[in-house]
């Protein structure tokens, strides 16, 4: 099992029994606390390291498939999985077009051995007059981690693809903007090489989008929780709101309430039709971290005024439902 410095559960302050929802919430809470953009000077460097470690832990634990492998093999789960697959597939039978090989970025040497074993053994099994039979190459699958900003703008990844000779081929793959978590992006003909003139397989990139500490994604839309003071909600104001393209000004109307949802049109993620989703701003009424004597006096004056009971409807519904 991983030691203390490698234990991804410890990094998130969780036990191995944590649910996926608890893992996600813990990551968002800690990522928001130590996001480098919220710090400066020496503290910023320290937070950059912590943020990187948190993201590394979530990339593994936040996905059920990779979490199972981590729980089974520990910190060396990638290497152990590659070895296990190579051992199993070296003895596989059937037509080459039915083979599917998982390829994990960064483990090219392990997987080149896998192809050596797989194709070498299967090629010998044909023998005699069938030795020249064309065998399609295996499909490869790479797990690709993206940030929300990379999803917004589109990006590329440099992958090392193993070849049957044991050498490694470098490939720069473009990932379109707007991809979704769990989506498989196909790159035709960039998988394992065919045998005896057979076509190459395809490369599939399985997309995993890291949760953002501020923006919550829902399809092409994103949402944020925006804290406002009671007087800003009551009197109305204009504030800066973060978006994926930078801060914008937003008018808060007088008489706004907590959990009120406001829309910033076109500030979401790219969608399938070529446009953009929206950003929704959810107001959260928050009090100042401390209360001065003057502020306390003003609150006391407000308390003396007549107001309708904000809990009356709640009590009525609870009693007569």
Protein backbone atom coordinates (compact mmCIF):
# COMPACT_ATOMS: atom_id res chain seq x y z
CA UNK A 1 0.00 0.00 0.00
CA UNK A 2 1.16 3.62 -0.51
CA UNK A 3 3.12 5.32 2.21
CA UNK A 4 1.89 8.46 3.98
CA UNK A 5 3.36 10.86 1.41
CA UNK A 6 1.64 9.00 -1.44
CA UNK A 7 -1.69 8.22 0.21
CA UNK A 8 -4.28 10.04 -1.89
CA UNK A 9 -7.00 9.51 0.71
CA UNK A 10 -4.91 11.28 3.36
CA UNK A 11 -4.31 14.20 1.01
CA UNK A 12 -8.06 14.75 0.85
CA UNK A 13 -8.54 14.10 4.56
CA UNK A 14 -10.71 11.04 3.89
CA UNK A 15 -10.83 7.33 4.71
CA UNK A 16 -10.90 4.53 2.14
CA UNK A 17 -14.63 4.12 2.76
CA UNK A 18 -15.45 7.64 1.50
CA UNK A 19 -18.18 7.87 -1.14
CA UNK A 20 -17.57 9.48 -4.55
CA UNK A 21 -19.69 12.44 -3.46
CA UNK A 22 -17.59 12.89 -0.30
CA UNK A 23 -14.41 12.75 -2.40
CA UNK A 24 -15.73 15.43 -4.74
CA UNK A 25 -16.85 17.71 -1.90
CA UNK A 26 -13.53 17.32 -0.05
CA UNK A 27 -11.56 18.18 -3.19
CA UNK A 28 -13.66 21.27 -3.96
CA UNK A 29 -13.35 22.51 -0.37
CA UNK A 30 -9.58 22.04 -0.16
CA UNK A 31 -8.94 23.25 -3.71
CA UNK A 32 -10.82 26.47 -3.00
CA UNK A 33 -8.80 26.98 0.19
CA UNK A 34 -5.35 26.53 -1.38
CA UNK A 35 -5.94 27.74 -4.94
CA UNK A 36 -2.71 29.57 -5.97
CA UNK A 37 -4.63 32.55 -7.38
CA UNK A 38 -5.85 33.37 -3.87
CA UNK A 39 -2.33 33.74 -2.44
CA UNK A 40 0.85 35.71 -3.11
CA UNK A 41 4.58 35.65 -2.32
CA UNK A 42 6.07 32.58 -0.65
CA UNK A 43 2.58 31.39 0.30
CA UNK A 44 1.64 31.17 -3.39
CA UNK A 45 4.49 28.72 -4.12
CA UNK A 46 3.47 26.55 -1.19
CA UNK A 47 -0.17 26.59 -2.28
CA UNK A 48 0.79 25.71 -5.88
CA UNK A 49 2.46 22.54 -4.57
CA UNK A 50 -0.52 21.64 -2.37
CA UNK A 51 -2.98 22.34 -5.18
CA UNK A 52 -1.01 20.09 -7.54
CA UNK A 53 -1.00 17.28 -4.95
CA UNK A 54 -4.75 17.65 -4.38
CA UNK A 55 -5.44 17.54 -8.12
CA UNK A 56 -3.24 14.45 -8.47
CA UNK A 57 -5.19 12.70 -5.72
CA UNK A 58 -8.56 13.64 -7.17
CA UNK A 59 -7.60 12.57 -10.70
CA UNK A 60 -7.27 9.03 -9.35
CA UNK A 61 -9.89 8.84 -6.60
CA UNK A 62 -12.49 10.95 -8.38
CA UNK A 63 -12.88 8.32 -11.09
CA UNK A 64 -14.37 5.01 -10.00
CA UNK A 65 -12.28 2.92 -12.43
CA UNK A 66 -8.91 4.38 -11.45
CA UNK A 67 -9.91 4.38 -7.78
CA UNK A 68 -10.49 0.62 -7.87
CA UNK A 69 -7.06 0.10 -9.43
CA UNK A 70 -5.42 2.36 -6.82
CA UNK A 71 -7.16 0.49 -3.99
CA UNK A 72 -5.98 -2.83 -5.43
CA UNK A 73 -2.39 -2.02 -6.38
CA UNK A 74 -1.51 1.10 -4.37
CA UNK A 75 0.70 3.93 -5.62
CA UNK A 76 2.16 1.77 -8.41
CA UNK A 77 -1.27 0.96 -9.83
CA UNK A 78 -0.39 2.04 -13.35
CA UNK A 79 2.65 -0.23 -13.57
CA UNK A 80 0.84 -3.14 -11.90
CA UNK A 81 -2.13 -2.85 -14.22
CA UNK A 82 0.11 -2.74 -17.29
CA UNK A 83 1.91 -5.89 -16.15
CA UNK A 84 -1.36 -7.70 -15.45
CA UNK A 85 -2.79 -6.80 -18.85
CA UNK A 86 0.38 -7.86 -20.61
CA UNK A 87 0.30 -11.21 -18.82
CA UNK A 88 -3.35 -11.85 -19.64
CA UNK A 89 -3.36 -10.65 -23.24
CA UNK A 90 -0.19 -12.50 -24.17
CA UNK A 91 -2.28 -15.65 -23.94
CA UNK A 92 -5.42 -14.26 -25.62
CA UNK A 93 -7.05 -16.06 -28.56
CA UNK A 94 -9.33 -14.81 -31.30
CA UNK A 95 -9.16 -12.45 -34.23
CA UNK A 96 -6.95 -9.40 -33.93
CA UNK A 97 -9.81 -7.02 -34.59
CA UNK A 98 -11.39 -8.03 -31.29
CA UNK A 99 -8.44 -7.14 -29.09
CA UNK A 100 -8.67 -3.94 -27.05
CA UNK A 101 -5.66 -2.73 -25.14
CA UNK A 102 -5.74 -0.10 -22.41
CA UNK A 103 -2.90 2.37 -22.82
CA UNK A 104 -2.11 4.63 -19.90
CA UNK A 105 -0.10 7.76 -20.67
CA UNK A 106 3.46 7.56 -19.41
CA UNK A 107 3.75 3.75 -19.39
CA UNK A 108 4.98 3.27 -22.93
CA UNK A 109 7.71 0.75 -22.05
CA UNK A 110 5.29 -1.56 -20.26
CA UNK A 111 2.88 -1.49 -23.15
CA UNK A 112 5.51 -1.99 -25.82
CA UNK A 113 6.29 -5.28 -24.03
CA UNK A 114 2.57 -6.06 -24.12
CA UNK A 115 2.48 -5.66 -27.91
CA UNK A 116 5.64 -7.73 -28.29
CA UNK A 117 4.04 -10.59 -26.34
CA UNK A 118 0.59 -10.26 -27.86
CA UNK A 119 1.47 -10.05 -31.53
CA UNK A 120 4.42 -12.42 -31.28
CA UNK A 121 2.38 -15.22 -29.76
CA UNK A 122 -0.67 -14.74 -31.97
CA UNK A 123 1.40 -14.54 -35.16
CA UNK A 124 3.03 -17.90 -34.33
CA UNK A 125 -0.35 -19.46 -33.58
CA UNK A 126 -1.50 -19.09 -37.20
CA UNK A 127 1.45 -21.00 -38.65
CA UNK A 128 1.71 -22.77 -42.03
CA UNK A 129 -0.35 -21.43 -44.91
CA UNK A 130 -2.12 -18.85 -42.71
CA UNK A 131 1.08 -17.09 -41.73
CA UNK A 132 0.37 -14.15 -44.05
CA UNK A 133 -3.20 -13.51 -42.84
CA UNK A 134 -3.81 -9.75 -42.33
CA UNK A 135 -4.48 -8.92 -38.68
CA UNK A 136 -5.96 -5.53 -37.70
CA UNK A 137 -4.12 -3.62 -34.99
CA UNK A 138 -5.43 -3.31 -31.45
CA UNK A 139 -7.36 -0.26 -30.31
CA UNK A 140 -5.62 1.82 -27.65
CA UNK A 141 -7.27 3.85 -24.92
CA UNK A 142 -5.59 6.71 -23.07
CA UNK A 143 -7.02 8.36 -19.96
CA UNK A 144 -6.68 12.12 -20.40
CA UNK A 145 -7.16 14.58 -17.52
CA UNK A 146 -8.36 18.10 -18.41
CA UNK A 147 -9.03 21.27 -16.46
CA UNK A 148 -12.26 23.18 -17.04
CA UNK A 149 -10.30 25.96 -18.74
CA UNK A 150 -8.84 23.42 -21.18
CA UNK A 151 -12.37 22.21 -21.93
CA UNK A 152 -13.39 25.80 -22.59
CA UNK A 153 -10.58 26.64 -25.00
CA UNK A 154 -9.70 23.22 -26.41
CA UNK A 155 -6.21 21.81 -26.00
CA UNK A 156 -3.80 19.11 -27.15
CA UNK A 157 -1.92 16.26 -25.53
CA UNK A 158 1.45 14.73 -26.36
CA UNK A 159 1.16 10.94 -26.20
CA UNK A 160 3.82 8.26 -26.54
CA UNK A 161 2.38 5.36 -28.54
CA UNK A 162 4.14 1.95 -28.28
CA UNK A 163 4.88 0.08 -31.51
CA UNK A 164 5.25 -3.68 -32.06
CA UNK A 165 9.03 -3.36 -32.43
CA UNK A 166 9.30 -1.96 -28.92
CA UNK A 167 9.99 1.58 -30.13
CA UNK A 168 7.77 4.50 -29.20
CA UNK A 169 6.01 6.87 -31.56
CA UNK A 170 5.26 10.45 -30.44
CA UNK A 171 1.83 11.79 -31.30
CA UNK A 172 0.34 15.24 -30.78
CA UNK A 173 -3.43 14.87 -30.45
CA UNK A 174 -5.87 17.78 -30.58
CA UNK A 175 -8.77 17.66 -28.11
CA UNK A 176 -11.79 19.70 -29.23
CA UNK A 177 -13.30 22.31 -26.94
CA UNK A 178 -16.47 21.50 -25.06
CA UNK A 179 -15.72 17.81 -24.41
CA UNK A 180 -17.53 16.23 -21.48
CA UNK A 181 -16.40 14.14 -18.56
CA UNK A 182 -16.43 10.46 -19.53
CA UNK A 183 -16.52 11.17 -23.27
CA UNK A 184 -14.33 9.05 -25.57
CA UNK A 185 -12.61 10.98 -28.36
CA UNK A 186 -11.62 8.76 -31.29
CA UNK A 187 -8.48 9.28 -33.37
CA UNK A 188 -8.81 6.93 -36.34
CA UNK A 189 -5.82 4.83 -37.35
CA UNK A 190 -3.56 5.91 -34.48
CA UNK A 191 -3.83 2.75 -32.41
CA UNK A 192 -1.74 -0.42 -32.49
CA UNK A 193 -0.10 -1.40 -35.79
CA UNK A 194 -1.63 -4.13 -37.92
CA UNK A 195 0.12 -7.37 -38.89
CA UNK A 196 0.79 -8.61 -42.41
CA UNK A 197 -0.75 -5.53 -44.01
CA UNK A 198 -3.70 -5.27 -41.66
CA UNK A 199 -5.03 -1.77 -40.80
CA UNK A 200 -3.94 0.04 -37.66
CA UNK A 201 -6.35 0.21 -34.76
CA UNK A 202 -7.83 3.42 -33.39
CA UNK A 203 -6.81 5.53 -30.44
CA UNK A 204 -9.55 6.44 -27.96
CA UNK A 205 -8.99 9.19 -25.43
CA UNK A 206 -11.25 8.87 -22.40
CA UNK A 207 -11.79 12.35 -21.00
CA UNK A 208 -11.75 13.05 -17.26
CA UNK A 209 -12.53 16.67 -16.31
CA UNK A 210 -11.23 17.79 -12.92
CA UNK A 211 -13.79 19.63 -10.75
CA UNK A 212 -13.14 23.34 -10.51
CA UNK A 213 -13.03 24.97 -7.06
CA UNK A 214 -15.33 27.80 -8.23
CA UNK A 215 -17.30 26.73 -11.31
CA UNK A 216 -19.77 23.83 -11.25
CA UNK A 217 -20.51 22.34 -14.67
CA UNK A 218 -23.87 21.13 -15.96
CA UNK A 219 -23.66 20.29 -19.65
CA UNK A 220 -22.63 23.47 -21.45
CA UNK A 221 -23.72 25.64 -18.52
CA UNK A 222 -21.70 26.55 -15.44
CA UNK A 223 -22.77 27.99 -12.10
CA UNK A 224 -21.09 29.70 -9.17
CA UNK A 225 -22.09 30.63 -5.63
CA UNK A 226 -21.70 34.40 -5.19
CA UNK A 227 -21.51 35.78 -1.62
CA UNK A 228 -23.25 39.13 -1.05
CA UNK A 229 -23.78 41.15 2.12
CA UNK A 230 -27.33 41.63 3.46
CA UNK A 231 -27.39 45.32 2.58
CA UNK A 232 -26.17 44.60 -0.97
CA UNK A 233 -29.06 42.19 -1.44
CA UNK A 234 -31.57 44.56 0.16
CA UNK A 235 -30.52 47.78 -1.59
CA UNK A 236 -29.11 46.40 -4.82
CA UNK A 237 -25.59 46.95 -6.13
CA UNK A 238 -23.19 46.16 -8.96
CA UNK A 239 -20.39 43.64 -8.33
CA UNK A 240 -17.64 41.82 -10.18
CA UNK A 241 -18.36 38.18 -11.00
CA UNK A 242 -15.74 35.66 -12.19
CA UNK A 243 -16.32 33.87 -15.50
CA UNK A 244 -14.20 31.47 -17.55
CA UNK A 245 -13.04 34.43 -19.66
CA UNK A 246 -12.41 36.84 -16.78
CA UNK A 247 -14.46 39.03 -14.38
CA UNK A 248 -17.63 40.81 -15.59
CA UNK A 249 -19.92 43.35 -13.91
CA UNK A 250 -23.29 42.11 -12.68
CA UNK A 251 -26.19 44.15 -11.30
CA UNK A 252 -27.78 42.77 -8.16
CA UNK A 253 -31.38 44.07 -8.06
CA UNK A 254 -32.84 45.52 -4.83
CA UNK A 255 -34.69 43.03 -2.69
CA UNK A 256 -32.61 40.04 -3.81
CA UNK A 257 -32.68 36.94 -1.64
CA UNK A 258 -30.44 34.00 -0.83
CA UNK A 259 -30.36 31.22 -3.47
CA UNK A 260 -31.69 33.62 -6.09
CA UNK A 261 -30.39 32.58 -9.51
CA UNK A 262 -29.18 35.10 -12.07
CA UNK A 263 -28.02 34.37 -15.61
CA UNK A 264 -24.98 35.70 -17.44
CA UNK A 265 -25.77 34.77 -21.03
CA UNK A 266 -23.12 33.12 -23.21
CA UNK A 267 -20.52 32.77 -20.48
CA UNK A 268 -20.69 28.99 -20.20
CA UNK A 269 -18.84 26.28 -22.16
CA UNK A 270 -18.90 25.59 -25.91
CA UNK A 271 -21.84 23.43 -26.97
CA UNK A 272 -22.43 21.07 -29.88
CA UNK A 273 -24.18 23.69 -32.01
CA UNK A 274 -21.22 26.04 -32.10
CA UNK A 275 -22.51 28.46 -29.48
CA UNK A 276 -21.93 28.73 -25.76
CA UNK A 277 -23.91 27.83 -22.69
CA UNK A 278 -24.74 30.28 -19.91
CA UNK A 279 -23.32 30.99 -16.49
CA UNK A 280 -25.71 31.03 -13.56
CA UNK A 281 -24.92 33.07 -10.47
CA UNK A 282 -26.52 31.84 -7.24
CA UNK A 283 -26.64 34.48 -4.52
CA UNK A 284 -25.56 33.52 -1.01
CA UNK A 285 -26.29 36.04 1.76
CA UNK A 286 -23.29 36.23 4.06
CA UNK A 287 -22.49 38.30 7.13
CA UNK A 288 -19.25 40.22 7.67
CA UNK A 289 -16.54 38.21 9.45
CA UNK A 290 -16.78 40.63 12.38
CA UNK A 291 -19.36 43.17 13.56
CA UNK A 292 -18.33 46.66 14.70
CA UNK A 293 -20.21 48.61 17.38
CA UNK A 294 -21.67 50.87 14.72
CA UNK A 295 -22.86 47.91 12.66
CA UNK A 296 -24.33 46.26 15.72
CA UNK A 297 -26.25 49.42 16.55
CA UNK A 298 -27.71 49.51 13.04
CA UNK A 299 -28.77 45.86 13.28
CA UNK A 300 -30.48 46.61 16.59
CA UNK A 301 -32.42 49.45 14.96
CA UNK A 302 -33.54 47.08 12.20
CA UNK A 303 -34.61 44.53 14.80
CA UNK A 304 -36.98 47.04 16.41
CA UNK A 305 -38.88 47.59 13.14
CA UNK A 306 -41.93 45.49 12.24
CA UNK A 307 -41.21 42.74 9.71
CA UNK A 308 -43.26 39.74 8.57
CA UNK A 309 -42.09 36.50 10.13
CA UNK A 310 -39.85 34.81 7.50
CA UNK A 311 -40.53 31.41 9.10
CA UNK A 312 -44.35 31.60 9.15
CA UNK A 313 -44.90 29.78 5.84
CA UNK A 314 -42.37 27.10 6.83
CA UNK A 315 -44.16 26.38 10.10
CA UNK A 316 -47.56 26.40 8.40
CA UNK A 317 -46.52 23.93 5.71
CA UNK A 318 -44.83 21.65 8.26
CA UNK A 319 -47.99 21.54 10.37
CA UNK A 320 -50.61 21.01 7.67
CA UNK A 321 -48.75 18.98 5.05
